[in-house]
Amino acid sequence: MKREYGTGSINRRGKQSWRIRYRSNGERFAETVRGTRSKAEKVLQARLNGVVVDEELTILESAQIMKKIIVLLKSRKILTIVL
């Protein structure tokens, strides 16, 4: 079944691998997902929504790490934020 415009694509690469292709901010991306087509669809949807999955950090985890770094730098008077 054909996907709607702007929702990326999924193609079989091997017995248990799929290539997902999508655009984000005008750039084209392609990556291989190992596992089922269902997993490839979930990864593609996550990429389109701007969420990082698998062994990479999620956006929430990245934000939490950045907050800890900022607190540490402020406590050591290395960082001063001027708004």
N, C-alpha and C. Protein backbone atom coordinates (compact mmCIF):
# COMPACT_ATOMS: atom_id res chain seq x y z
N MET A 1 0.84 -1.18 0.00
CA MET A 1 0.00 0.00 0.00
C MET A 1 0.89 1.24 0.00
N LYS A 2 0.52 2.21 -0.80
CA LYS A 2 1.30 3.44 -0.92
C LYS A 2 1.06 4.35 0.28
N ARG A 3 2.15 4.93 0.78
CA ARG A 3 2.06 5.84 1.92
C ARG A 3 1.74 7.25 1.42
N GLU A 4 1.20 8.05 2.30
CA GLU A 4 0.89 9.44 1.96
C GLU A 4 2.18 10.24 1.81
N TYR A 5 2.10 11.31 1.02
CA TYR A 5 3.24 12.19 0.81
C TYR A 5 3.73 12.75 2.15
N GLY A 6 5.04 12.73 2.35
CA GLY A 6 5.62 13.30 3.56
C GLY A 6 5.71 12.35 4.73
N THR A 7 5.32 11.08 4.52
CA THR A 7 5.36 10.13 5.63
C THR A 7 6.52 9.15 5.52
N GLY A 8 7.46 9.40 4.60
CA GLY A 8 8.62 8.53 4.46
C GLY A 8 8.30 7.26 3.70
N SER A 9 9.30 6.37 3.63
CA SER A 9 9.10 5.10 2.94
C SER A 9 9.85 3.99 3.66
N ILE A 10 9.39 2.76 3.42
CA ILE A 10 10.00 1.58 4.00
C ILE A 10 10.18 0.55 2.89
N ASN A 11 11.41 0.05 2.72
CA ASN A 11 11.70 -0.97 1.72
C ASN A 11 12.46 -2.12 2.36
N ARG A 12 12.16 -3.34 1.94
CA ARG A 12 12.86 -4.52 2.44
C ARG A 12 14.28 -4.54 1.88
N ARG A 13 15.26 -4.79 2.76
CA ARG A 13 16.66 -4.89 2.35
C ARG A 13 17.15 -6.32 2.42
N GLY A 14 16.60 -7.08 3.32
CA GLY A 14 17.01 -8.47 3.52
C GLY A 14 15.91 -9.20 4.25
N LYS A 15 16.23 -10.39 4.75
CA LYS A 15 15.22 -11.18 5.43
C LYS A 15 14.65 -10.47 6.65
N GLN A 16 15.49 -9.85 7.45
CA GLN A 16 15.05 -9.14 8.66
C GLN A 16 15.63 -7.73 8.73
N SER A 17 15.74 -7.06 7.60
CA SER A 17 16.21 -5.67 7.63
C SER A 17 15.40 -4.82 6.65
N TRP A 18 15.20 -3.58 7.03
CA TRP A 18 14.37 -2.66 6.28
C TRP A 18 15.08 -1.32 6.16
N ARG A 19 14.94 -0.66 5.00
CA ARG A 19 15.49 0.68 4.83
C ARG A 19 14.35 1.67 4.98
N ILE A 20 14.54 2.61 5.89
CA ILE A 20 13.55 3.69 6.02
C ILE A 20 14.17 4.95 5.43
N ARG A 21 13.35 5.71 4.73
CA ARG A 21 13.79 6.99 4.17
C ARG A 21 12.77 8.05 4.52
N TYR A 22 13.26 9.22 4.86
CA TYR A 22 12.37 10.31 5.27
C TYR A 22 13.08 11.63 5.10
N ARG A 23 12.32 12.71 5.19
CA ARG A 23 12.87 14.06 5.12
C ARG A 23 12.59 14.78 6.43
N SER A 24 13.54 15.57 6.85
CA SER A 24 13.38 16.39 8.03
C SER A 24 14.11 17.70 7.81
N ASN A 25 13.41 18.79 7.96
CA ASN A 25 13.98 20.14 7.75
C ASN A 25 14.66 20.27 6.39
N GLY A 26 14.05 19.68 5.36
CA GLY A 26 14.59 19.79 4.01
C GLY A 26 15.72 18.82 3.68
N GLU A 27 16.21 18.10 4.66
CA GLU A 27 17.29 17.12 4.42
C GLU A 27 16.71 15.73 4.25
N ARG A 28 17.36 14.92 3.40
CA ARG A 28 16.93 13.54 3.22
C ARG A 28 17.77 12.63 4.10
N PHE A 29 17.11 11.64 4.71
CA PHE A 29 17.79 10.69 5.57
C PHE A 29 17.40 9.27 5.15
N ALA A 30 18.32 8.33 5.36
CA ALA A 30 18.04 6.91 5.12
C ALA A 30 18.80 6.12 6.17
N GLU A 31 18.19 5.07 6.67
CA GLU A 31 18.87 4.20 7.61
C GLU A 31 18.27 2.81 7.55
N THR A 32 19.04 1.85 7.99
CA THR A 32 18.60 0.46 8.01
C THR A 32 18.15 0.09 9.41
N VAL A 33 16.98 -0.56 9.48
CA VAL A 33 16.43 -1.02 10.74
C VAL A 33 16.41 -2.54 10.70
N ARG A 34 17.00 -3.17 11.69
CA ARG A 34 16.99 -4.63 11.75
C ARG A 34 15.82 -5.09 12.62
N GLY A 35 15.09 -6.09 12.13
CA GLY A 35 13.94 -6.60 12.86
C GLY A 35 12.73 -6.70 11.94
N THR A 36 11.56 -6.53 12.51
CA THR A 36 10.32 -6.68 11.75
C THR A 36 9.94 -5.37 11.05
N ARG A 37 9.01 -5.49 10.12
CA ARG A 37 8.51 -4.29 9.45
C ARG A 37 7.82 -3.38 10.47
N SER A 38 7.16 -4.00 11.44
CA SER A 38 6.50 -3.23 12.49
C SER A 38 7.50 -2.35 13.24
N LYS A 39 8.67 -2.91 13.54
CA LYS A 39 9.71 -2.12 14.21
C LYS A 39 10.17 -0.98 13.31
N ALA A 40 10.34 -1.27 12.01
CA ALA A 40 10.76 -0.24 11.06
C ALA A 40 9.73 0.89 11.00
N GLU A 41 8.44 0.53 11.02
CA GLU A 41 7.39 1.54 11.01
C GLU A 41 7.44 2.41 12.27
N LYS A 42 7.70 1.79 13.42
CA LYS A 42 7.80 2.54 14.67
C LYS A 42 8.99 3.49 14.64
N VAL A 43 10.13 3.01 14.15
CA VAL A 43 11.33 3.86 14.06
C VAL A 43 11.08 5.01 13.10
N LEU A 44 10.48 4.72 11.94
CA LEU A 44 10.18 5.77 10.97
C LEU A 44 9.26 6.82 11.59
N GLN A 45 8.21 6.38 12.26
CA GLN A 45 7.28 7.33 12.88
C GLN A 45 7.99 8.17 13.94
N ALA A 46 8.87 7.54 14.70
CA ALA A 46 9.63 8.28 15.72
C ALA A 46 10.53 9.32 15.06
N ARG A 47 11.18 8.94 13.96
CA ARG A 47 12.06 9.90 13.27
C ARG A 47 11.25 11.07 12.73
N LEU A 48 10.08 10.78 12.17
CA LEU A 48 9.24 11.85 11.63
C LEU A 48 8.74 12.78 12.73
N ASN A 49 8.56 12.24 13.93
CA ASN A 49 8.11 13.03 15.07
C ASN A 49 9.27 13.69 15.81
N GLY A 50 10.50 13.44 15.36
CA GLY A 50 11.67 14.04 15.99
C GLY A 50 12.10 13.37 17.26
N VAL A 51 11.73 12.12 17.46
CA VAL A 51 12.09 11.37 18.66
C VAL A 51 13.22 10.41 18.31
N VAL A 52 14.22 10.34 19.18
CA VAL A 52 15.32 9.41 18.98
C VAL A 52 15.01 8.13 19.75
N VAL A 53 15.19 6.97 19.09
CA VAL A 53 14.88 5.70 19.74
C VAL A 53 16.08 4.77 19.70
N ASP A 54 15.90 3.59 20.26
CA ASP A 54 16.91 2.53 20.32
C ASP A 54 18.00 2.89 21.30
N GLU A 55 19.26 2.71 20.90
CA GLU A 55 20.36 2.89 21.83
C GLU A 55 20.77 4.36 21.99
N GLU A 56 20.16 5.25 21.24
CA GLU A 56 20.46 6.66 21.38
C GLU A 56 19.59 7.27 22.49
N LEU A 57 19.96 8.45 22.94
CA LEU A 57 19.19 9.13 23.98
C LEU A 57 17.89 9.68 23.43
N THR A 58 16.85 9.66 24.23
CA THR A 58 15.61 10.33 23.84
C THR A 58 15.77 11.82 24.09
N ILE A 59 14.88 12.60 23.55
CA ILE A 59 14.94 14.05 23.74
C ILE A 59 14.80 14.39 25.22
N LEU A 60 13.92 13.69 25.92
CA LEU A 60 13.72 13.93 27.36
C LEU A 60 15.00 13.64 28.13
N GLU A 61 15.66 12.52 27.84
CA GLU A 61 16.91 12.18 28.53
C GLU A 61 17.98 13.23 28.25
N SER A 62 18.05 13.70 27.00
CA SER A 62 19.03 14.74 26.65
C SER A 62 18.77 16.02 27.43
N ALA A 63 17.49 16.40 27.56
CA ALA A 63 17.14 17.61 28.31
C ALA A 63 17.52 17.47 29.78
N GLN A 64 17.28 16.29 30.35
CA GLN A 64 17.63 16.06 31.75
C GLN A 64 19.15 16.13 31.96
N ILE A 65 19.90 15.58 31.03
CA ILE A 65 21.37 15.64 31.12
C ILE A 65 21.84 17.09 31.01
N MET A 66 21.25 17.85 30.07
CA MET A 66 21.65 19.25 29.91
C MET A 66 21.35 20.06 31.17
N LYS A 67 20.21 19.80 31.82
CA LYS A 67 19.89 20.51 33.06
C LYS A 67 20.94 20.22 34.13
N LYS A 68 21.36 18.96 34.24
CA LYS A 68 22.37 18.60 35.23
C LYS A 68 23.71 19.28 34.93
N ILE A 69 24.06 19.36 33.66
CA ILE A 69 25.32 20.01 33.27
C ILE A 69 25.26 21.50 33.61
N ILE A 70 24.13 22.14 33.31
CA ILE A 70 23.98 23.57 33.61
C ILE A 70 24.07 23.83 35.10
N VAL A 71 23.40 23.01 35.91
CA VAL A 71 23.46 23.17 37.37
C VAL A 71 24.90 23.01 37.85
N LEU A 72 25.60 22.02 37.34
CA LEU A 72 26.99 21.79 37.73
C LEU A 72 27.87 22.98 37.36
N LEU A 73 27.72 23.47 36.15
CA LEU A 73 28.54 24.60 35.69
C LEU A 73 28.23 25.87 36.49
N LYS A 74 26.95 26.10 36.80
CA LYS A 74 26.58 27.27 37.60
C LYS A 74 27.16 27.16 39.01
N SER A 75 27.10 25.96 39.60
CA SER A 75 27.60 25.78 40.96
C SER A 75 29.10 26.02 41.04
N ARG A 76 29.80 25.77 39.98
CA ARG A 76 31.25 26.01 39.95
C ARG A 76 31.59 27.39 39.39
N LYS A 77 30.55 28.18 39.15
CA LYS A 77 30.69 29.54 38.63
C LYS A 77 31.45 29.58 37.29
N ILE A 78 31.23 28.53 36.51
CA ILE A 78 31.84 28.47 35.18
C ILE A 78 30.89 29.05 34.15
N LEU A 79 29.60 29.00 34.46
CA LEU A 79 28.58 29.42 33.51
C LEU A 79 27.71 30.49 34.12
N THR A 80 27.53 31.57 33.37
CA THR A 80 26.61 32.62 33.78
C THR A 80 25.66 32.83 32.61
N ILE A 81 24.37 32.69 32.88
CA ILE A 81 23.37 32.85 31.83
C ILE A 81 22.75 34.22 31.98
N VAL A 82 22.79 35.00 30.92
CA VAL A 82 22.20 36.34 30.91
C VAL A 82 21.03 36.30 29.95
N LEU A 83 19.85 36.65 30.49
CA LEU A 83 18.66 36.67 29.63
C LEU A 83 18.27 38.07 29.28
